[in-house]
Amino acid sequence: MTPGARVAASIEIIDDILAGQAAEQALTRWARNSRFAGSKDRAAIRDLVFAALRTWRSDAVLGGGEDGRARMIGRLRADDADIDALFDDAGHAPAPLTDEERQAGATPTEIGDRWNLPEWLLPQWQAALGDDAEAIALIAQDRAPITLRVNTRVCSVADVQSALESEQVLTEANSLSPTALTVLSNPRRVRQSQAYIDGWIEMQDAASQAVVDAIPDGTRALDYCAGGGGKALALAARGFTVWAHDIAPGRMADIPDRAERAGVQIRVVAPDQLPAKEKFDVVLCDAPCSGSGAWRRSPEGKWALTQQRLDELNGIQDEILDTAMGHVTPEGTLVYVTCSVLTCENEDRIDAFLARHAGWTCSFRKRWTISAEGDGFFTAHLTRG
């Protein structure tokens, strides 16, 4: 496909998203109907669509309209691209710009347009991030880093870097965690690399790794909201005997294979298989949240979030903590985690828990902001006494 044809495909997919399709669904449907597109074409189109989702508001202002064509014009203007070379109607490229399109569009000046956030969320974003609110909002419009977790049970960080370099995948140390490497080149080769196949590495955000690094030592751990199992695997790599639990067991389907590849054992349990009497030194609650700290990876989420849904999430977060606390040993630690930067999902939930449960204290809490090295995360450690 020509660069112009890729732009035309992106416009089509954005229009499908505007019509109500989820981004992944729209991308998959387009790919199935476009067998001529190679892997590089699909990757380039995906990058264009996700860039547009991250800068949804500013692209509309720059492009002078709300539809896919206007938003893509705005995206290309933001990148100082040669729009006339891409909109030339040749080789399935979009039709040339009209005089009206050339005159339309303006530099974004409103805060919500510049920060690319929903208007209703701006006060909460500013309250949570203070003087850094604008800088972090702008960072959140960039692509997220691709980060690996080194399985130090079986190899060293240096071993991984050397092995990946031999397959033209360059990495550098990430300051957020001693097990984290940021991928500098050829990220799409990682899953085909021998290091990945042999269980030397997993794909995991560096701040997510730092959350696990901060957990106190122990013997038995329950990952109460395990999902795909990234943190359960990291706990197992630290030497914990790990149980993985999730209210939706289907989310944990890949954990056994991932654990086998990593050379660890994780017991996967559905809600009706977790006995109330089972106690753990660490109970990790990576709670469902807005995902605001990871919107670079899932930008569609910030436009789908509403105040009502945020309130619902706060209730779910409280319920998870209240239930999971029953599985903590008397000397154990209840670990609360979100990939959110919003106070209502973080500090407020811990304060509310402490107000509900006398005898519990918060022994540790920390934020990791959205940065060039990792996503935005929050964690707190709750203990008795």
Protein backbone atom coordinates (compact mmCIF):
# COMPACT_ATOMS: atom_id res chain seq x y z
CA MET A 1 0.00 0.00 0.00
CA THR A 2 1.12 3.55 -0.66
CA PRO A 3 1.34 6.03 2.22
CA GLY A 4 -1.75 7.73 0.84
CA ALA A 5 -3.67 4.46 0.76
CA ARG A 6 -2.77 3.88 4.39
CA VAL A 7 -4.18 7.31 5.24
CA ALA A 8 -7.39 6.48 3.36
CA ALA A 9 -7.73 3.22 5.28
CA SER A 10 -7.22 5.09 8.56
CA ILE A 11 -9.97 7.54 7.62
CA GLU A 12 -12.32 4.65 6.92
CA ILE A 13 -11.55 3.01 10.27
CA ILE A 14 -11.96 6.27 12.21
CA ASP A 15 -15.37 6.74 10.59
CA ASP A 16 -16.29 3.22 11.71
CA ILE A 17 -15.25 4.14 15.26
CA LEU A 18 -17.36 7.29 15.07
CA ALA A 19 -20.26 5.09 13.98
CA GLY A 20 -19.97 3.10 17.19
CA GLN A 21 -17.47 0.33 16.58
CA ALA A 22 -14.76 -0.35 19.15
CA ALA A 23 -11.32 0.54 17.83
CA GLU A 24 -9.96 -3.01 17.92
CA GLN A 25 -13.12 -4.30 16.25
CA ALA A 26 -12.89 -1.69 13.51
CA LEU A 27 -9.22 -2.46 12.88
CA THR A 28 -9.82 -6.21 12.80
CA ARG A 29 -12.80 -5.90 10.49
CA TRP A 30 -10.87 -3.71 8.08
CA ALA A 31 -7.93 -6.15 8.05
CA ARG A 32 -10.22 -9.12 7.33
CA ASN A 33 -11.76 -7.26 4.41
CA SER A 34 -8.38 -6.08 3.10
CA ARG A 35 -6.32 -9.22 2.55
CA PHE A 36 -4.05 -7.27 0.22
CA ALA A 37 -2.61 -5.34 3.18
CA GLY A 38 0.70 -6.64 4.49
CA SER A 39 1.84 -6.70 8.08
CA LYS A 40 3.70 -3.40 7.71
CA ASP A 41 0.60 -1.79 6.22
CA ARG A 42 -1.58 -3.02 9.09
CA ALA A 43 0.95 -1.81 11.65
CA ALA A 44 1.21 1.64 10.04
CA ILE A 45 -2.56 2.01 9.84
CA ARG A 46 -2.94 0.93 13.44
CA ASP A 47 -0.38 3.55 14.48
CA LEU A 48 -2.28 6.28 12.61
CA VAL A 49 -5.61 5.30 14.15
CA PHE A 50 -4.25 5.12 17.68
CA ALA A 51 -2.43 8.42 17.26
CA ALA A 52 -5.75 9.97 16.23
CA LEU A 53 -7.48 8.48 19.28
CA ARG A 54 -4.82 9.89 21.59
CA THR A 55 -5.27 13.38 20.08
CA TRP A 56 -8.96 13.15 19.29
CA ARG A 57 -9.93 16.69 20.26
CA SER A 58 -6.91 18.60 18.98
CA ASP A 59 -6.99 16.79 15.63
CA ALA A 60 -10.62 17.78 15.12
CA VAL A 61 -9.75 21.43 15.78
CA LEU A 62 -6.68 21.33 13.52
CA GLY A 63 -8.61 19.55 10.78
CA GLY A 64 -11.69 21.72 11.04
CA GLY A 65 -14.18 18.90 11.46
CA GLU A 66 -15.31 15.83 13.36
CA ASP A 67 -15.27 13.09 10.72
CA GLY A 68 -12.43 10.74 9.90
CA ARG A 69 -11.12 12.78 7.00
CA ALA A 70 -10.97 16.02 8.99
CA ARG A 71 -9.36 14.31 11.97
CA MET A 72 -6.70 12.74 9.76
CA ILE A 73 -6.02 16.09 8.14
CA GLY A 74 -5.58 17.50 11.64
CA ARG A 75 -3.28 14.62 12.64
CA LEU A 76 -1.07 15.14 9.61
CA ARG A 77 -0.98 18.90 10.17
CA ALA A 78 0.17 18.27 13.73
CA ASP A 79 2.98 16.12 12.33
CA ASP A 80 3.90 18.71 9.66
CA ALA A 81 3.33 16.05 7.01
CA ASP A 82 3.08 16.80 3.29
CA ILE A 83 -0.69 16.53 3.06
CA ASP A 84 -0.87 17.24 -0.66
CA ALA A 85 1.43 14.29 -1.33
CA LEU A 86 -0.87 12.00 0.68
CA PHE A 87 -4.22 13.38 -0.49
CA ASP A 88 -3.62 13.08 -4.24
CA ASP A 89 -6.29 10.53 -5.26
CA ALA A 90 -3.58 8.23 -6.64
CA GLY A 91 -3.25 4.56 -5.73
CA HIS A 92 -6.31 4.57 -3.47
CA ALA A 93 -5.20 7.72 -1.66
CA PRO A 94 -7.82 10.23 -0.45
CA ALA A 95 -9.08 12.91 -2.80
CA PRO A 96 -7.15 16.20 -2.79
CA LEU A 97 -8.06 18.83 -0.22
CA THR A 98 -10.79 21.26 -1.21
CA ASP A 99 -10.38 24.99 -0.82
CA GLU A 100 -12.72 24.82 2.18
CA GLU A 101 -10.56 22.15 3.84
CA ARG A 102 -7.42 24.18 3.26
CA GLN A 103 -8.98 27.15 5.01
CA ALA A 104 -10.59 25.14 7.80
CA GLY A 105 -8.90 24.30 11.05
CA ALA A 106 -7.18 26.29 13.75
CA THR A 107 -4.58 25.93 16.46
CA PRO A 108 -6.17 24.40 19.59
CA THR A 109 -6.42 26.94 22.40
CA GLU A 110 -8.97 25.50 24.83
CA ILE A 111 -7.44 23.42 27.64
CA GLY A 112 -9.50 20.33 26.84
CA ASP A 113 -8.47 20.51 23.18
CA ARG A 114 -4.79 21.00 23.95
CA TRP A 115 -4.70 18.35 26.67
CA ASN A 116 -6.94 15.95 24.75
CA LEU A 117 -9.12 15.07 27.70
CA PRO A 118 -12.90 15.00 28.20
CA GLU A 119 -14.16 18.35 29.46
CA TRP A 120 -15.87 16.88 32.55
CA LEU A 121 -12.62 15.19 33.65
CA LEU A 122 -10.40 18.29 33.58
CA PRO A 123 -11.04 19.41 37.21
CA GLN A 124 -10.23 15.92 38.56
CA TRP A 125 -7.11 15.64 36.40
CA GLN A 126 -5.89 19.04 37.61
CA ALA A 127 -6.70 18.29 41.23
CA ALA A 128 -4.81 14.98 41.11
CA LEU A 129 -1.72 16.20 39.26
CA GLY A 130 -1.46 19.84 40.33
CA ASP A 131 1.26 21.85 38.61
CA ASP A 132 2.21 18.82 36.52
CA ALA A 133 -1.27 18.37 35.04
CA GLU A 134 -0.51 19.94 31.68
CA ALA A 135 2.88 18.31 31.21
CA ILE A 136 1.50 14.86 32.00
CA ALA A 137 -1.52 15.39 29.74
CA LEU A 138 0.86 16.19 26.89
CA ILE A 139 3.06 13.16 27.60
CA ALA A 140 -0.07 11.02 27.56
CA GLN A 141 -0.59 11.99 23.91
CA ASP A 142 2.60 10.19 22.86
CA ARG A 143 3.09 6.49 22.25
CA ALA A 144 3.79 4.43 25.34
CA PRO A 145 7.18 2.77 25.69
CA ILE A 146 7.52 -0.95 24.96
CA THR A 147 8.95 -2.50 28.10
CA LEU A 148 10.11 -5.97 29.02
CA ARG A 149 10.40 -7.72 32.39
CA VAL A 150 13.46 -9.93 32.68
CA ASN A 151 12.79 -13.28 34.36
CA THR A 152 15.79 -13.16 36.68
CA ARG A 153 15.03 -16.66 37.95
CA VAL A 154 16.51 -18.03 34.74
CA CYS A 155 18.79 -15.34 33.31
CA SER A 156 20.35 -11.95 33.90
CA VAL A 157 19.44 -8.59 32.40
CA ALA A 158 22.75 -8.61 30.52
CA ASP A 159 21.97 -12.05 29.08
CA VAL A 160 18.66 -10.78 27.75
CA GLN A 161 20.14 -7.65 26.21
CA SER A 162 22.82 -9.67 24.45
CA ALA A 163 20.36 -12.28 23.17
CA LEU A 164 17.94 -9.67 21.86
CA GLU A 165 20.70 -7.63 20.25
CA SER A 166 21.70 -10.72 18.25
CA GLU A 167 18.18 -10.58 16.78
CA GLN A 168 18.39 -6.81 16.08
CA VAL A 169 16.25 -5.84 19.07
CA LEU A 170 18.04 -3.11 21.01
CA THR A 171 17.12 -2.29 24.61
CA GLU A 172 18.21 -0.07 27.46
CA ALA A 173 17.84 -0.23 31.22
CA ASN A 174 14.70 1.39 32.62
CA SER A 175 15.17 3.26 35.90
CA LEU A 176 11.74 2.34 37.29
CA SER A 177 12.68 -1.30 37.98
CA PRO A 178 15.89 -3.35 37.97
CA THR A 179 14.12 -6.02 35.90
CA ALA A 180 12.82 -3.59 33.26
CA LEU A 181 14.22 -3.01 29.79
CA THR A 182 12.85 -0.47 27.34
CA VAL A 183 12.83 -1.61 23.72
CA LEU A 184 14.54 0.85 21.39
CA SER A 185 14.22 -0.91 18.04
CA ASN A 186 12.19 -3.61 16.29
CA PRO A 187 9.58 -4.07 19.04
CA ARG A 188 7.46 -6.33 16.83
CA ARG A 189 10.27 -8.89 16.78
CA VAL A 190 10.18 -9.38 20.53
CA ARG A 191 7.48 -12.07 20.60
CA GLN A 192 9.32 -14.06 17.95
CA SER A 193 12.67 -13.81 19.72
CA GLN A 194 14.32 -16.81 21.33
CA ALA A 195 14.47 -14.93 24.64
CA TYR A 196 10.69 -14.64 24.64
CA ILE A 197 10.13 -18.22 23.52
CA ASP A 198 12.46 -19.49 26.26
CA GLY A 199 10.66 -17.53 28.99
CA TRP A 200 13.47 -15.09 29.66
CA ILE A 201 11.20 -12.07 29.19
CA GLU A 202 7.61 -10.93 29.42
CA MET A 203 5.99 -7.77 28.07
CA GLN A 204 5.21 -5.63 31.13
CA ASP A 205 5.19 -1.91 31.82
CA ALA A 206 8.07 -0.74 33.99
CA ALA A 207 5.85 0.98 36.57
CA SER A 208 3.80 -2.20 36.82
CA GLN A 209 7.03 -4.01 37.62
CA ALA A 210 7.93 -1.36 40.20
CA VAL A 211 4.61 -2.00 41.94
CA VAL A 212 5.60 -5.64 42.42
CA ASP A 213 9.14 -4.67 43.45
CA ALA A 214 7.66 -2.62 46.30
CA ILE A 215 5.70 -5.55 47.78
CA PRO A 216 7.26 -6.89 51.00
CA ASP A 217 8.79 -10.36 51.04
CA GLY A 218 6.64 -13.34 51.90
CA THR A 219 5.88 -16.94 51.03
CA ARG A 220 2.30 -17.10 49.72
CA ALA A 221 0.61 -14.52 47.50
CA LEU A 222 -2.88 -14.19 46.05
CA ASP A 223 -3.30 -12.09 42.93
CA TYR A 224 -6.97 -11.36 43.53
CA CYS A 225 -7.67 -9.53 40.24
CA ALA A 226 -5.16 -11.43 38.12
CA GLY A 227 -6.43 -10.76 34.61
CA GLY A 228 -3.77 -11.99 32.18
CA GLY A 229 -1.38 -12.70 35.02
CA GLY A 230 1.46 -10.22 34.51
CA LYS A 231 1.84 -9.38 38.19
CA ALA A 232 1.23 -13.00 39.24
CA LEU A 233 4.18 -14.01 37.06
CA ALA A 234 6.33 -11.25 38.53
CA LEU A 235 5.45 -12.40 42.06
CA ALA A 236 6.30 -15.98 41.15
CA ALA A 237 9.64 -14.80 39.75
CA ARG A 238 10.33 -13.28 43.16
CA GLY A 239 9.83 -16.71 44.76
CA PHE A 240 6.26 -16.48 46.02
CA THR A 241 3.88 -19.41 45.82
CA VAL A 242 1.17 -17.72 43.80
CA TRP A 243 -2.57 -18.21 43.44
CA ALA A 244 -4.28 -16.30 40.64
CA HIS A 245 -7.96 -15.38 40.95
CA ASP A 246 -10.30 -13.28 38.85
CA ILE A 247 -14.05 -12.73 38.87
CA ALA A 248 -13.95 -13.46 35.11
CA PRO A 249 -11.96 -16.72 34.86
CA GLY A 250 -11.69 -16.43 31.09
CA ARG A 251 -9.24 -13.56 31.53
CA MET A 252 -6.79 -16.00 33.12
CA ALA A 253 -6.84 -18.50 30.24
CA ASP A 254 -3.25 -17.78 29.19
CA ILE A 255 -1.70 -17.93 32.66
CA PRO A 256 -0.85 -21.67 32.67
CA ASP A 257 1.03 -21.43 29.36
CA ARG A 258 2.80 -18.24 30.40
CA ALA A 259 3.78 -19.77 33.72
CA GLU A 260 5.12 -22.91 32.05
CA ARG A 261 7.19 -20.84 29.65
CA ALA A 262 8.58 -18.82 32.57
CA GLY A 263 9.40 -21.95 34.58
CA VAL A 264 7.08 -21.13 37.49
CA GLN A 265 3.91 -22.59 38.93
CA ILE A 266 0.75 -20.55 39.48
CA ARG A 267 -2.47 -22.02 40.81
CA VAL A 268 -5.39 -20.57 38.88
CA VAL A 269 -8.67 -20.45 40.82
CA ALA A 270 -12.13 -19.23 39.85
CA PRO A 271 -14.24 -17.37 42.44
CA ASP A 272 -16.04 -20.55 43.54
CA GLN A 273 -12.70 -22.34 43.98
CA LEU A 274 -11.15 -19.91 46.45
CA PRO A 275 -11.86 -21.19 49.98
CA ALA A 276 -12.60 -18.51 52.53
CA LYS A 277 -10.13 -20.13 54.91
CA GLU A 278 -7.16 -19.62 52.56
CA LYS A 279 -4.83 -16.95 53.90
CA PHE A 280 -1.85 -15.30 52.23
CA ASP A 281 1.11 -13.15 53.23
CA VAL A 282 0.30 -10.85 50.31
CA VAL A 283 -3.08 -10.26 48.71
CA LEU A 284 -2.66 -8.12 45.61
CA CYS A 285 -5.72 -6.23 44.37
CA ASP A 286 -4.94 -4.76 40.96
CA ALA A 287 -8.40 -3.26 40.87
CA PRO A 288 -10.50 -2.40 37.82
CA CYS A 289 -10.10 1.32 37.19
CA SER A 290 -10.38 4.09 34.63
CA GLY A 291 -7.00 3.12 33.19
CA SER A 292 -6.13 6.81 33.05
CA GLY A 293 -2.47 6.07 33.71
CA ALA A 294 -2.35 3.84 30.64
CA TRP A 295 -4.50 5.76 28.18
CA ARG A 296 -1.54 5.99 25.81
CA ARG A 297 -2.03 2.26 25.23
CA SER A 298 -5.84 2.30 25.24
CA PRO A 299 -6.77 5.86 24.25
CA GLU A 300 -10.33 4.92 23.42
CA GLY A 301 -10.92 4.48 27.16
CA LYS A 302 -10.66 8.17 28.02
CA TRP A 303 -13.43 9.07 25.58
CA ALA A 304 -15.68 6.23 26.80
CA LEU A 305 -15.29 7.06 30.51
CA THR A 306 -18.16 8.93 32.18
CA GLN A 307 -18.64 10.26 35.70
CA GLN A 308 -21.26 7.57 36.28
CA ARG A 309 -18.83 4.83 35.29
CA LEU A 310 -16.10 6.35 37.44
CA ASP A 311 -18.47 6.32 40.42
CA GLU A 312 -19.28 2.67 39.68
CA LEU A 313 -15.58 1.83 39.58
CA ASN A 314 -15.06 3.48 42.97
CA GLY A 315 -17.75 1.22 44.40
CA ILE A 316 -16.16 -1.86 42.83
CA GLN A 317 -12.75 -0.87 44.18
CA ASP A 318 -14.17 -0.57 47.72
CA GLU A 319 -15.94 -3.91 47.41
CA ILE A 320 -12.78 -5.68 46.23
CA LEU A 321 -10.75 -4.38 49.17
CA ASP A 322 -13.46 -5.32 51.66
CA THR A 323 -13.65 -8.86 50.29
CA ALA A 324 -9.95 -9.48 49.72
CA MET A 325 -8.96 -8.39 53.23
CA GLY A 326 -10.44 -11.65 54.54
CA HIS A 327 -7.65 -13.60 52.81
CA VAL A 328 -4.78 -11.71 54.48
CA THR A 329 -2.88 -13.40 57.31
CA PRO A 330 -2.75 -11.44 60.60
CA GLU A 331 0.77 -10.23 59.77
CA GLY A 332 0.18 -10.02 56.02
CA THR A 333 -0.22 -7.14 53.57
CA LEU A 334 -3.21 -6.13 51.49
CA VAL A 335 -1.78 -4.43 48.39
CA TYR A 336 -4.02 -2.08 46.42
CA VAL A 337 -3.02 -1.10 42.86
CA THR A 338 -4.51 0.91 40.02
CA CYS A 339 -3.17 2.13 36.70
CA SER A 340 -4.95 5.42 37.38
CA VAL A 341 -3.74 8.94 38.13
CA LEU A 342 -7.07 10.08 39.63
CA THR A 343 -7.27 10.75 43.37
CA CYS A 344 -10.80 9.35 43.61
CA GLU A 345 -9.47 5.92 42.57
CA ASN A 346 -6.30 6.06 44.64
CA GLU A 347 -5.81 7.99 47.86
CA ASP A 348 -9.55 8.43 48.38
CA ARG A 349 -10.15 4.69 48.23
CA ILE A 350 -7.45 4.02 50.81
CA ASP A 351 -8.80 6.72 53.12
CA ALA A 352 -12.30 5.27 52.75
CA PHE A 353 -11.04 1.76 53.54
CA LEU A 354 -9.28 2.94 56.69
CA ALA A 355 -12.42 4.78 57.77
CA ARG A 356 -14.46 1.58 57.37
CA HIS A 357 -12.00 -0.78 59.06
CA ALA A 358 -10.57 0.09 62.45
CA GLY A 359 -7.29 -1.60 63.22
CA TRP A 360 -5.90 -1.30 59.70
CA THR A 361 -3.18 1.17 58.73
CA CYS A 362 -1.51 2.25 55.52
CA SER A 363 2.18 1.40 55.77
CA PHE A 364 3.18 2.51 52.27
CA ARG A 365 1.71 4.42 49.36
CA LYS A 366 3.28 5.68 46.16
CA ARG A 367 2.41 7.13 42.77
CA TRP A 368 4.27 6.61 39.52
CA THR A 369 3.37 9.34 37.07
CA ILE A 370 2.97 8.89 33.32
CA SER A 371 6.43 9.32 31.85
CA ALA A 372 8.73 8.35 29.00
CA GLU A 373 9.66 5.26 31.03
CA GLY A 374 6.30 3.95 32.15
CA ASP A 375 2.59 4.29 32.77
CA GLY A 376 0.87 6.01 35.66
CA PHE A 377 0.33 3.69 38.65
CA PHE A 378 -0.66 3.92 42.29
CA THR A 379 -0.14 1.44 45.09
CA ALA A 380 -0.81 1.29 48.83
CA HIS A 381 0.03 -1.36 51.41
CA LEU A 382 -2.55 -2.01 54.13
CA THR A 383 -1.69 -3.90 57.30
CA ARG A 384 -3.32 -4.65 60.64
CA GLY A 385 -2.13 -2.76 63.68
